[in-house]
Amino acid sequence: MKKLLLILLFASRFSTGYAQPEVIYHVFQRSFFDSNGDGEGDLTGMRQKLDYLQNLGVTSILLTPLYVSDFYHNYFATDFENIDPAYGTMQDYLLLVKEVHRRKMKIYQDVEMQYVTGKHHWFTDSYKNPASPFSKYIYYEDAQNQQPYWFYGVSEFTTYNNSKQQIVVVNMKNPAVKQYTLDVLSRWVDPNGDGRFDDGVDGFRLDHMMDDLDYAGKLTHLFSEFWAPLLTELRRKNPALQIVAEQANWGSFGYDYISEGKVDRVFAFRLKFAIESFDKKKIMLAADSTFGPGKQQVVFIENHDTKRFATTVNQDPGKLRAGAAMNILIGGIPSIYYGQELGMTGAQLKGMTDGNDIPIREAFEWYRADTGKGMAFWYKNTGPWWDSSQVKPNDGISVEEQQKQPNSLLNYYKELLHLRKAYPALNKGGYQSVPNNNDHVYSFLRHTNNQKILVLINLSPTDQSAEINMTDPFKHIKKLSGTSAPAKTQQQIKTPLSPYECQVLLLR
C-alpha cells in the first residue's frame, strides 16, 4: 500500500493542468453596495462597482441566491421565480448582466433547489392535503402529508430578526420537480427565450449538492437520476454553460461530482484547509491530488460559510500575503470572497440562529470611516453580531485606506492577479510540485509548452533559504515578484526568502 501511494503521489506531481484564465469574485450582494440608501446591498450597487472589480483583476462574479426567501441569505426559496425585492427588479438584473458581458466578464448564480421554506406554495398547499397538485413536490414521510421531511430533521429555525421559519426537503424523485428545476434554470440562461445569451447567466453554483440527500438514504442516486440528465439538457440550450458544485462533504475531493454528477468544477476544500495549516507537506499533498488531469477545481481560502482567512491567521500580514499568493498562483480557478482582498475579519458565533453567520457576511468596507454612501448595514442593531461587528473605522481595512498604499494587501492582490493574467503559465498552465532542501519553503512550477514559472513561498515567520535543482535546462531567471534576489548556478537555483515571502521567477 505504501509503495502504491508513493507511485500515485509521484505521478500526480506531473499533472497536465487545464486552461482556466478565469478568476471568480464571490460576493454576498446584500452586504456589498447599497445604491438607494435602504441599507441593503443590491443589483444596481453591483453594477455601479464593476469598475472596482475589473480594476482588481477578476473576470467573473458569483452572486449568492437572488430568489425570494424568508432567510436573509436567500439559500432556501419561498419563491424560485422572482428576485428578492431588496436586490431590485428583473430589469436591474438584466442591466447588470448586460454590463458584465459588455466588459467581457461573466456572471454566475448560486442556487439551492433541494429545499424550500415552509412558506413556499408547494408546502403550504400540500401540507395535510394529499389531494394537492403539489403533494409529490415535497417529500413526506406519510400518506397524509402530516410528516414532511425536515431539513436535517429540524422542524423550526430562528432567523437573525427572531422570526421562526421552516425548511422542508423537495422530492427530487418527482419528474415534475426535475422539469420545474430545468425550466427555472433555463429562464436564467436565456431570460427572453431568443436563443441568445447576452442577457443570460454564464453558469451556476449548485449549493450543498449531494448524491444521497442529507445522507439519509431516502433521496439517493441524485447524480445519475436528477443532476446529470438535467445538466445535459441545460447545456443543450447553452453549451458554454459552466456548472460548479459545492460538495456537501467538505472533506471530499469531489471527483464523483464531475464523473457522475456531470458538473464542470468543484471546490478545492482539502487544499483550502491545507493552506490554512501553513504546513508544507499538507499543502503539497493536497495540491498534488487536486490538480490531476480533468479535475477542475476552484481554489479558495474563504467563502460565505467559513471563517474569514484574516481571522484564521490572526491578521498576520505575512500570512495574509502568503495565503493570497497560494490562492491566486497555485493553479485551478481562483475564487476571492468579497472583502478578502482587504483582509476583512470575522468568525461565526455559536447558536442555532442564522444570524450567527453574519460576522462572515458583514458590510464590505469601502471607506476609512464605518459610514458612507453605499455601506450595506442591513443587520444594524439586530443582535450580538452587530454588537461585536468587525467593521470599524480607521483600522486599515478599507478600500479608501489601502488603494493608495503601494504595499497594502489590496494592491498585492492586484499585483498577483496582474501577473496571473499576463503569463499563460500562471493562467492556463499545468502544476508541478518541485522539491527543495527546506521544510519551510513550498515550491512549485507552473508551465506551458513555451513558458515556465517557478513559485517559492516561505511558510514561516523567519528568514529562510532554499536550493532547487531543476531538471529542465534554463539560461536566465527573471524575477516577476518578491523582494529577495535569487542566484543561478548551472541548473541550480539558490535564493533567500524573507518571512512569508513569495518569489515568482520566470525561467528562460
Protein backbone atom coordinates (compact mmCIF):
# COMPACT_ATOMS: atom_id res chain seq x y z
CA MET A 1 0.00 0.00 0.00
CA LYS A 2 2.82 2.42 0.87
CA LYS A 3 4.55 1.69 -2.45
CA LEU A 4 1.30 2.27 -4.35
CA LEU A 5 0.75 5.56 -2.51
CA LEU A 6 4.23 6.77 -3.44
CA ILE A 7 3.64 5.86 -7.09
CA LEU A 8 0.35 7.76 -7.11
CA LEU A 9 1.89 10.80 -5.47
CA PHE A 10 4.84 10.81 -7.87
CA ALA A 11 2.54 10.54 -10.87
CA SER A 12 0.28 13.33 -9.66
CA ARG A 13 3.17 15.77 -9.38
CA PHE A 14 3.39 15.87 -13.15
CA SER A 15 -0.25 16.67 -13.85
CA THR A 16 -1.08 18.45 -17.06
CA GLY A 17 -3.47 21.01 -15.59
CA TYR A 18 -6.10 22.67 -17.76
CA ALA A 19 -6.78 26.01 -19.40
CA GLN A 20 -8.56 28.34 -17.00
CA PRO A 21 -7.62 32.04 -17.20
CA GLU A 22 -10.69 32.83 -15.09
CA VAL A 23 -10.78 34.46 -11.62
CA ILE A 24 -14.07 34.44 -9.67
CA TYR A 25 -15.22 37.12 -7.23
CA HIS A 26 -17.70 35.53 -4.82
CA VAL A 27 -19.96 38.24 -3.45
CA PHE A 28 -22.65 38.27 -0.78
CA GLN A 29 -24.55 41.03 -2.57
CA ARG A 30 -26.77 42.04 0.35
CA SER A 31 -23.60 43.32 2.03
CA PHE A 32 -21.70 44.70 -0.96
CA PHE A 33 -23.00 48.12 -2.08
CA ASP A 34 -26.32 49.83 -1.37
CA SER A 35 -27.37 52.03 -4.31
CA ASN A 36 -30.57 53.52 -2.88
CA GLY A 37 -29.88 54.18 0.79
CA ASP A 38 -32.08 51.46 2.28
CA GLY A 39 -29.15 49.65 3.90
CA GLU A 40 -29.40 46.63 1.60
CA GLY A 41 -26.77 45.80 -0.98
CA ASP A 42 -28.44 45.40 -4.36
CA LEU A 43 -28.01 44.62 -8.05
CA THR A 44 -27.68 48.25 -9.08
CA GLY A 45 -24.96 48.60 -6.48
CA MET A 46 -23.16 45.65 -8.04
CA ARG A 47 -23.35 47.33 -11.43
CA GLN A 48 -22.05 50.60 -10.02
CA LYS A 49 -18.98 48.84 -8.62
CA LEU A 50 -17.94 46.87 -11.69
CA ASP A 51 -15.07 49.30 -12.25
CA TYR A 52 -13.67 48.30 -8.86
CA LEU A 53 -13.94 44.60 -9.64
CA GLN A 54 -12.45 44.94 -13.10
CA ASN A 55 -9.59 47.04 -11.75
CA LEU A 56 -8.96 44.39 -9.09
CA GLY A 57 -8.44 41.87 -11.87
CA VAL A 58 -11.32 39.42 -11.51
CA THR A 59 -13.12 38.12 -14.59
CA SER A 60 -16.30 36.58 -13.16
CA ILE A 61 -18.83 37.39 -10.47
CA LEU A 62 -20.61 34.75 -8.38
CA LEU A 63 -23.81 36.07 -6.79
CA THR A 64 -25.41 34.38 -3.81
CA PRO A 65 -29.06 33.36 -4.43
CA LEU A 66 -31.36 36.06 -5.79
CA TYR A 67 -34.78 34.47 -5.34
CA VAL A 68 -37.34 35.41 -2.71
CA SER A 69 -36.70 33.82 0.68
CA ASP A 70 -37.67 34.22 4.31
CA PHE A 71 -33.99 33.93 5.20
CA TYR A 72 -31.63 36.91 4.74
CA HIS A 73 -29.11 34.76 2.86
CA ASN A 74 -31.77 33.55 0.36
CA TYR A 75 -30.49 29.97 0.28
CA PHE A 76 -33.94 28.49 0.92
CA ALA A 77 -36.53 29.70 -1.56
CA THR A 78 -40.02 30.89 -0.81
CA ASP A 79 -40.43 31.71 -4.50
CA PHE A 80 -37.93 30.47 -7.09
CA GLU A 81 -39.37 32.59 -9.88
CA ASN A 82 -38.90 36.13 -8.59
CA ILE A 83 -35.99 38.22 -7.38
CA ASP A 84 -35.88 39.34 -3.75
CA PRO A 85 -37.22 42.94 -3.92
CA ALA A 86 -34.37 44.09 -1.66
CA TYR A 87 -31.99 43.34 -4.54
CA GLY A 88 -34.07 45.09 -7.16
CA THR A 89 -36.10 44.09 -10.20
CA MET A 90 -35.59 41.80 -13.15
CA GLN A 91 -34.74 44.90 -15.16
CA ASP A 92 -32.00 45.76 -12.65
CA TYR A 93 -30.66 42.23 -13.02
CA LEU A 94 -30.66 42.35 -16.82
CA LEU A 95 -28.85 45.70 -16.80
CA LEU A 96 -26.19 44.15 -14.55
CA VAL A 97 -25.78 41.07 -16.74
CA LYS A 98 -25.52 43.06 -19.95
CA GLU A 99 -22.94 45.43 -18.46
CA VAL A 100 -20.93 42.48 -17.13
CA HIS A 101 -20.95 40.94 -20.60
CA ARG A 102 -20.09 44.24 -22.27
CA ARG A 103 -16.92 44.21 -20.18
CA LYS A 104 -16.16 40.65 -21.36
CA MET A 105 -16.76 39.37 -17.84
CA LYS A 106 -19.01 36.52 -16.68
CA ILE A 107 -21.74 36.21 -14.09
CA TYR A 108 -22.78 33.13 -12.13
CA GLN A 109 -25.71 32.49 -9.81
CA ASP A 110 -25.73 30.39 -6.68
CA VAL A 111 -28.83 28.18 -6.42
CA GLU A 112 -30.20 25.73 -3.87
CA MET A 113 -33.01 23.67 -5.40
CA GLN A 114 -33.18 20.80 -2.88
CA TYR A 115 -35.12 22.61 -0.13
CA VAL A 116 -37.84 25.25 0.21
CA THR A 117 -39.14 27.30 3.11
CA GLY A 118 -42.33 26.46 4.95
CA LYS A 119 -43.99 29.39 3.15
CA HIS A 120 -43.35 28.08 -0.35
CA HIS A 121 -46.66 27.30 -2.06
CA TRP A 122 -45.62 23.70 -2.69
CA PHE A 123 -45.64 23.18 1.06
CA THR A 124 -48.49 25.45 2.13
CA ASP A 125 -50.80 23.86 -0.45
CA SER A 126 -49.82 20.25 0.19
CA TYR A 127 -49.32 20.09 3.97
CA LYS A 128 -52.05 17.82 5.37
CA ASN A 129 -53.62 17.86 1.90
CA PRO A 130 -52.74 14.72 -0.10
CA ALA A 131 -55.10 15.87 -2.88
CA SER A 132 -52.93 18.92 -3.61
CA PRO A 133 -51.37 19.06 -7.10
CA PHE A 134 -48.09 19.73 -5.25
CA SER A 135 -48.43 16.74 -2.95
CA LYS A 136 -45.49 14.96 -4.62
CA TYR A 137 -43.30 18.08 -4.81
CA ILE A 138 -42.48 17.85 -1.09
CA TYR A 139 -41.01 14.72 0.45
CA TYR A 140 -43.50 13.47 3.04
CA GLU A 141 -42.88 10.55 5.38
CA ASP A 142 -46.56 9.57 5.47
CA ALA A 143 -49.54 9.29 3.12
CA GLN A 144 -51.50 12.03 4.90
CA ASN A 145 -48.80 14.67 4.28
CA GLN A 146 -48.54 15.37 8.01
CA GLN A 147 -44.87 14.46 8.39
CA PRO A 148 -42.66 16.40 5.99
CA TYR A 149 -39.00 15.53 5.72
CA TRP A 150 -37.45 18.48 7.55
CA PHE A 151 -34.02 19.88 6.71
CA TYR A 152 -31.66 17.72 8.79
CA GLY A 153 -34.60 16.73 10.97
CA VAL A 154 -35.09 20.23 12.45
CA SER A 155 -38.71 21.44 12.28
CA GLU A 156 -38.11 25.10 13.08
CA PHE A 157 -35.29 27.63 12.72
CA THR A 158 -34.83 31.05 14.29
CA THR A 159 -33.66 33.79 11.95
CA TYR A 160 -31.46 36.79 12.75
CA ASN A 161 -34.54 39.02 13.21
CA ASN A 162 -36.10 36.48 15.59
CA SER A 163 -38.73 35.09 13.22
CA LYS A 164 -39.48 31.36 13.16
CA GLN A 165 -39.08 29.61 9.82
CA GLN A 166 -39.26 26.09 8.46
CA ILE A 167 -37.21 24.31 5.80
CA VAL A 168 -38.58 21.23 4.04
CA VAL A 169 -36.99 18.81 1.62
CA VAL A 170 -38.09 18.79 -2.00
CA ASN A 171 -38.97 15.43 -3.56
CA MET A 172 -36.14 15.21 -6.10
CA LYS A 173 -37.52 11.86 -7.36
CA ASN A 174 -40.62 13.53 -8.78
CA PRO A 175 -40.19 14.06 -12.57
CA ALA A 176 -42.27 17.23 -12.28
CA VAL A 177 -39.70 18.67 -9.86
CA LYS A 178 -36.90 17.90 -12.29
CA GLN A 179 -38.80 19.58 -15.12
CA TYR A 180 -39.60 22.59 -12.95
CA THR A 181 -35.94 22.92 -11.94
CA LEU A 182 -34.91 22.73 -15.59
CA ASP A 183 -37.47 25.39 -16.52
CA VAL A 184 -36.37 27.77 -13.75
CA LEU A 185 -32.67 27.47 -14.54
CA SER A 186 -33.35 27.72 -18.28
CA ARG A 187 -35.04 31.08 -17.79
CA TRP A 188 -31.87 32.42 -16.17
CA VAL A 189 -29.79 31.04 -19.05
CA ASP A 190 -31.96 32.73 -21.70
CA PRO A 191 -34.36 35.17 -19.98
CA ASN A 192 -36.18 36.32 -23.11
CA GLY A 193 -36.04 32.98 -24.93
CA ASP A 194 -34.46 34.37 -28.08
CA GLY A 195 -31.66 31.80 -28.25
CA ARG A 196 -29.02 34.41 -27.47
CA PHE A 197 -27.21 34.60 -24.16
CA ASP A 198 -26.07 38.21 -23.83
CA ASP A 199 -28.73 38.64 -21.13
CA GLY A 200 -28.25 35.20 -19.57
CA VAL A 201 -26.25 33.76 -16.71
CA ASP A 202 -22.93 32.11 -17.63
CA GLY A 203 -23.23 29.33 -15.10
CA PHE A 204 -24.48 28.14 -11.72
CA ARG A 205 -23.05 27.16 -8.39
CA LEU A 206 -25.05 24.24 -7.01
CA ASP A 207 -25.13 24.65 -3.26
CA HIS A 208 -24.78 21.64 -0.97
CA MET A 209 -25.05 19.21 -3.89
CA MET A 210 -25.48 15.58 -2.79
CA ASP A 211 -25.98 12.18 -4.35
CA ASP A 212 -27.73 10.93 -1.19
CA LEU A 213 -29.54 13.98 0.16
CA ASP A 214 -28.55 14.69 3.76
CA TYR A 215 -27.04 11.17 3.88
CA ALA A 216 -30.48 9.94 4.92
CA GLY A 217 -30.87 7.08 2.42
CA LYS A 218 -34.21 8.49 1.24
CA LEU A 219 -33.35 10.52 -1.86
CA THR A 220 -30.48 8.59 -3.41
CA HIS A 221 -28.72 8.34 -6.81
CA LEU A 222 -29.42 12.02 -7.43
CA PHE A 223 -26.26 12.44 -9.50
CA SER A 224 -27.31 9.95 -12.17
CA GLU A 225 -31.10 10.31 -11.94
CA PHE A 226 -31.55 14.04 -11.35
CA TRP A 227 -28.49 16.23 -11.88
CA ALA A 228 -26.68 14.58 -14.81
CA PRO A 229 -29.72 14.48 -17.14
CA LEU A 230 -30.84 17.95 -16.05
CA LEU A 231 -27.41 19.47 -16.71
CA THR A 232 -27.25 17.71 -20.07
CA GLU A 233 -30.49 19.44 -21.05
CA LEU A 234 -29.25 22.81 -19.81
CA ARG A 235 -26.09 22.51 -21.89
CA ARG A 236 -28.19 21.83 -24.97
CA LYS A 237 -29.50 25.35 -24.54
CA ASN A 238 -26.05 26.86 -23.98
CA PRO A 239 -23.06 24.52 -24.44
CA ALA A 240 -20.75 27.13 -22.87
CA LEU A 241 -22.59 27.00 -19.54
CA GLN A 242 -20.32 26.27 -16.57
CA ILE A 243 -21.58 24.35 -13.54
CA VAL A 244 -19.67 24.32 -10.26
CA ALA A 245 -20.79 22.13 -7.37
CA GLU A 246 -20.22 22.70 -3.70
CA GLN A 247 -19.51 19.31 -2.19
CA ALA A 248 -21.73 18.77 0.84
CA ASN A 249 -18.85 16.78 2.32
CA TRP A 250 -16.04 19.32 2.64
CA GLY A 251 -13.52 16.54 3.11
CA SER A 252 -14.22 15.21 -0.38
CA PHE A 253 -12.10 15.99 -3.43
CA GLY A 254 -15.40 15.86 -5.35
CA TYR A 255 -14.21 13.77 -8.29
CA ASP A 256 -17.51 11.86 -8.39
CA TYR A 257 -19.36 15.16 -8.83
CA ILE A 258 -17.52 15.59 -12.13
CA SER A 259 -17.62 11.97 -13.32
CA GLU A 260 -21.15 11.07 -12.17
CA GLY A 261 -22.90 14.38 -11.46
CA LYS A 262 -21.55 15.86 -14.71
CA VAL A 263 -20.62 19.23 -13.23
CA ASP A 264 -17.65 21.12 -14.66
CA ARG A 265 -15.97 22.18 -11.44
CA VAL A 266 -15.85 21.51 -7.72
CA PHE A 267 -14.28 23.35 -4.80
CA ALA A 268 -10.80 22.51 -3.51
CA PHE A 269 -11.80 22.21 0.15
CA ARG A 270 -8.88 19.99 1.11
CA LEU A 271 -6.44 22.44 -0.41
CA LYS A 272 -8.11 25.30 1.50
CA PHE A 273 -7.62 23.52 4.81
CA ALA A 274 -4.04 22.63 3.90
CA ILE A 275 -3.21 26.24 3.03
CA GLU A 276 -4.56 27.35 6.41
CA SER A 277 -2.16 24.96 8.13
CA PHE A 278 0.96 26.54 6.56
CA ASP A 279 2.35 23.01 6.62
CA LYS A 280 4.42 22.28 3.51
CA LYS A 281 3.71 18.55 3.40
CA LYS A 282 -0.04 19.01 3.79
CA ILE A 283 -0.14 21.69 1.09
CA MET A 284 1.92 19.61 -1.34
CA LEU A 285 -0.20 16.51 -0.79
CA ALA A 286 -3.46 18.43 -1.25
CA ALA A 287 -2.22 20.30 -4.33
CA ASP A 288 -0.75 17.18 -5.95
CA SER A 289 -4.12 15.45 -5.51
CA THR A 290 -6.15 18.48 -6.61
CA PHE A 291 -4.64 19.25 -10.00
CA GLY A 292 -4.76 15.90 -11.75
CA PRO A 293 -5.92 15.76 -15.40
CA GLY A 294 -9.59 16.62 -15.84
CA LYS A 295 -10.11 17.67 -12.23
CA GLN A 296 -11.31 21.25 -12.49
CA GLN A 297 -11.07 22.73 -9.03
CA VAL A 298 -11.99 26.15 -7.71
CA VAL A 299 -9.25 27.26 -5.31
CA PHE A 300 -10.30 29.45 -2.38
CA ILE A 301 -9.27 30.33 1.16
CA GLU A 302 -12.61 31.67 2.42
CA ASN A 303 -16.28 31.80 1.47
CA HIS A 304 -19.69 32.69 2.88
CA ASP A 305 -19.74 29.60 5.14
CA THR A 306 -16.22 29.75 6.60
CA LYS A 307 -14.22 31.87 8.98
CA ARG A 308 -12.51 34.78 7.29
CA PHE A 309 -8.92 33.91 6.35
CA ALA A 310 -7.64 37.03 8.15
CA THR A 311 -9.24 35.78 11.36
CA THR A 312 -7.87 32.27 10.82
CA VAL A 313 -4.30 33.65 10.65
CA ASN A 314 -4.85 36.25 13.41
CA GLN A 315 -4.41 39.06 10.88
CA ASP A 316 -0.74 38.21 10.44
CA PRO A 317 0.30 40.44 7.48
CA GLY A 318 2.81 37.90 6.19
CA LYS A 319 0.35 35.02 6.28
CA LEU A 320 -2.27 37.16 4.56
CA ARG A 321 0.12 37.74 1.66
CA ALA A 322 1.33 34.14 1.51
CA GLY A 323 -2.27 32.92 1.57
CA ALA A 324 -3.14 35.29 -1.26
CA ALA A 325 -0.19 34.00 -3.29
CA MET A 326 -1.28 30.39 -2.90
CA ASN A 327 -4.91 31.26 -3.65
CA ILE A 328 -4.02 33.07 -6.89
CA LEU A 329 -0.91 31.31 -8.22
CA ILE A 330 -1.17 27.65 -7.28
CA GLY A 331 -3.48 26.66 -10.13
CA GLY A 332 -7.11 25.88 -10.81
CA ILE A 333 -9.70 28.64 -10.88
CA PRO A 334 -9.08 31.15 -8.08
CA SER A 335 -12.08 32.43 -6.15
CA ILE A 336 -11.87 35.54 -3.97
CA TYR A 337 -14.60 36.16 -1.39
CA TYR A 338 -15.66 39.81 -1.19
CA GLY A 339 -13.50 41.70 1.32
CA GLN A 340 -10.83 39.00 1.34
CA GLU A 341 -8.62 41.34 -0.69
CA LEU A 342 -8.81 43.86 2.18
CA GLY A 343 -8.23 41.38 4.98
CA MET A 344 -11.77 41.67 6.36
CA THR A 345 -12.20 39.66 9.55
CA GLY A 346 -14.99 37.59 11.05
CA ALA A 347 -15.95 34.23 12.52
CA GLN A 348 -19.29 32.56 13.13
CA LEU A 349 -20.94 32.90 16.51
CA LYS A 350 -22.35 29.88 18.32
CA GLY A 351 -26.04 29.06 18.41
CA MET A 352 -28.99 27.98 16.27
CA THR A 353 -29.93 31.26 14.58
CA ASP A 354 -28.86 32.10 11.03
CA GLY A 355 -27.62 35.43 12.40
CA ASN A 356 -24.56 33.66 13.73
CA ASP A 357 -23.12 33.65 10.20
CA ILE A 358 -23.48 37.42 9.78
CA PRO A 359 -19.94 38.08 11.11
CA ILE A 360 -18.56 36.42 7.95
CA ARG A 361 -21.04 38.31 5.74
CA GLU A 362 -20.65 41.87 7.00
CA ALA A 363 -20.82 45.10 5.04
CA PHE A 364 -18.00 45.50 2.54
CA GLU A 365 -15.61 48.18 3.79
CA TRP A 366 -15.42 50.94 1.22
CA TYR A 367 -14.36 53.79 3.49
CA ARG A 368 -11.92 54.69 6.25
CA ALA A 369 -14.90 55.58 8.42
CA ASP A 370 -17.52 52.92 9.05
CA THR A 371 -20.10 55.12 7.34
CA GLY A 372 -20.56 56.45 3.83
CA LYS A 373 -22.61 56.17 0.66
CA GLY A 374 -23.31 52.56 -0.21
CA MET A 375 -22.40 50.93 3.11
CA ALA A 376 -24.76 47.96 3.45
CA PHE A 377 -25.50 47.69 7.17
CA TRP A 378 -28.78 45.80 6.71
CA TYR A 379 -28.16 43.95 10.02
CA LYS A 380 -27.74 47.10 12.13
CA ASN A 381 -28.99 46.79 15.73
CA THR A 382 -30.33 43.26 15.23
CA GLY A 383 -28.30 41.20 17.69
CA PRO A 384 -24.88 40.16 19.03
CA TRP A 385 -23.44 40.03 15.50
CA TRP A 386 -23.98 43.78 15.32
CA ASP A 387 -22.71 44.44 18.84
CA SER A 388 -19.48 42.59 18.01
CA SER A 389 -19.17 43.88 14.44
CA GLN A 390 -15.67 43.78 12.99
CA VAL A 391 -16.36 46.73 10.67
CA LYS A 392 -14.52 49.52 12.46
CA PRO A 393 -13.24 52.95 11.43
CA ASN A 394 -9.57 53.72 10.82
CA ASP A 395 -8.35 50.13 11.21
CA GLY A 396 -6.62 49.91 7.84
CA ILE A 397 -9.23 47.53 6.44
CA SER A 398 -10.97 49.50 3.71
CA VAL A 399 -10.64 50.33 0.04
CA GLU A 400 -10.11 54.00 0.87
CA GLU A 401 -7.19 53.23 3.20
CA GLN A 402 -5.49 50.62 1.05
CA GLN A 403 -5.91 51.73 -2.55
CA LYS A 404 -3.15 54.38 -2.40
CA GLN A 405 -0.74 52.36 -0.25
CA PRO A 406 1.69 50.52 -2.58
CA ASN A 407 2.32 47.71 -0.08
CA SER A 408 -1.28 47.17 1.00
CA LEU A 409 -2.97 43.79 0.83
CA LEU A 410 -5.40 45.14 -1.77
CA ASN A 411 -2.57 46.19 -4.06
CA TYR A 412 -0.80 42.87 -3.51
CA TYR A 413 -3.92 41.08 -4.76
CA LYS A 414 -3.90 43.38 -7.78
CA GLU A 415 -0.22 42.56 -8.39
CA LEU A 416 -0.86 38.81 -8.19
CA LEU A 417 -3.90 38.99 -10.45
CA HIS A 418 -1.99 41.12 -12.96
CA LEU A 419 0.80 38.51 -13.02
CA ARG A 420 -1.70 35.72 -13.48
CA LYS A 421 -3.32 37.50 -16.40
CA ALA A 422 -0.01 38.43 -18.05
CA TYR A 423 1.64 34.99 -18.07
CA PRO A 424 -0.01 31.96 -19.72
CA ALA A 425 1.88 29.57 -17.44
CA LEU A 426 0.03 31.09 -14.48
CA ASN A 427 -3.43 31.39 -16.01
CA LYS A 428 -3.66 28.17 -18.01
CA GLY A 429 -0.52 26.17 -17.33
CA GLY A 430 -0.01 22.87 -15.59
CA TYR A 431 1.04 22.48 -11.97
CA GLN A 432 4.05 20.52 -10.73
CA SER A 433 5.37 20.50 -7.18
CA VAL A 434 9.14 20.97 -7.08
CA PRO A 435 11.33 19.59 -4.26
CA ASN A 436 13.76 21.83 -2.39
CA ASN A 437 16.01 21.46 0.64
CA ASN A 438 13.90 23.43 3.14
CA ASP A 439 10.88 22.11 5.04
CA HIS A 440 9.52 25.66 5.39
CA VAL A 441 9.64 26.61 1.71
CA TYR A 442 6.92 25.44 -0.67
CA SER A 443 7.93 25.49 -4.32
CA PHE A 444 6.04 24.60 -7.47
CA LEU A 445 6.28 25.07 -11.22
CA ARG A 446 3.54 26.44 -13.45
CA HIS A 447 4.21 25.59 -17.07
CA THR A 448 3.05 25.58 -20.66
CA ASN A 449 4.99 24.24 -23.64
CA ASN A 450 6.60 27.66 -24.08
CA GLN A 451 6.82 29.08 -20.57
CA LYS A 452 7.99 28.01 -17.11
CA ILE A 453 7.40 29.96 -13.92
CA LEU A 454 8.79 28.85 -10.57
CA VAL A 455 6.99 29.97 -7.41
CA LEU A 456 8.59 29.76 -3.97
CA ILE A 457 6.72 30.63 -0.77
CA ASN A 458 8.26 30.89 2.68
CA LEU A 459 5.67 29.40 5.03
CA SER A 460 7.45 30.59 8.17
CA PRO A 461 7.85 33.85 10.16
CA THR A 462 11.66 33.69 9.90
CA ASP A 463 14.21 34.20 7.14
CA GLN A 464 14.79 31.07 5.08
CA SER A 465 16.82 29.96 2.08
CA ALA A 466 16.14 27.28 -0.49
CA GLU A 467 18.06 25.35 -3.11
CA ILE A 468 16.33 23.77 -6.08
CA ASN A 469 17.87 21.51 -8.70
CA MET A 470 15.94 21.98 -11.92
CA THR A 471 15.73 19.00 -14.27
CA ASP A 472 14.95 21.02 -17.40
CA PRO A 473 17.66 23.37 -18.73
CA PHE A 474 17.28 27.14 -18.49
CA LYS A 475 19.66 30.05 -19.00
CA HIS A 476 18.16 33.03 -17.24
CA ILE A 477 15.96 33.94 -14.27
CA LYS A 478 13.65 36.94 -14.37
CA LYS A 479 12.13 37.86 -11.02
CA LEU A 480 8.48 38.80 -11.51
CA SER A 481 7.60 39.25 -7.83
CA GLY A 482 9.39 39.13 -4.50
CA THR A 483 11.93 41.13 -2.53
CA SER A 484 14.93 38.79 -2.35
CA ALA A 485 17.41 38.12 -5.16
CA PRO A 486 17.79 34.53 -6.44
CA ALA A 487 21.06 33.19 -7.85
CA LYS A 488 21.64 30.58 -10.57
CA THR A 489 24.47 28.06 -10.61
CA GLN A 490 24.27 25.75 -13.63
CA GLN A 491 20.84 24.11 -13.18
CA GLN A 492 20.53 25.01 -9.52
CA ILE A 493 18.61 27.94 -8.06
CA LYS A 494 19.59 29.33 -4.67
CA THR A 495 17.52 32.03 -3.07
CA PRO A 496 16.95 33.68 0.30
CA LEU A 497 13.37 34.39 1.35
CA SER A 498 12.19 36.84 3.97
CA PRO A 499 9.33 35.81 6.31
CA TYR A 500 6.29 34.65 4.29
CA GLU A 501 7.82 35.99 1.08
CA CYS A 502 6.56 34.75 -2.26
CA GLN A 503 9.00 34.76 -5.17
CA VAL A 504 7.75 34.36 -8.72
CA LEU A 505 10.55 33.53 -11.16
CA LEU A 506 10.32 33.29 -14.94
CA LEU A 507 12.81 30.68 -16.20
CA ARG A 508 14.16 31.18 -19.72
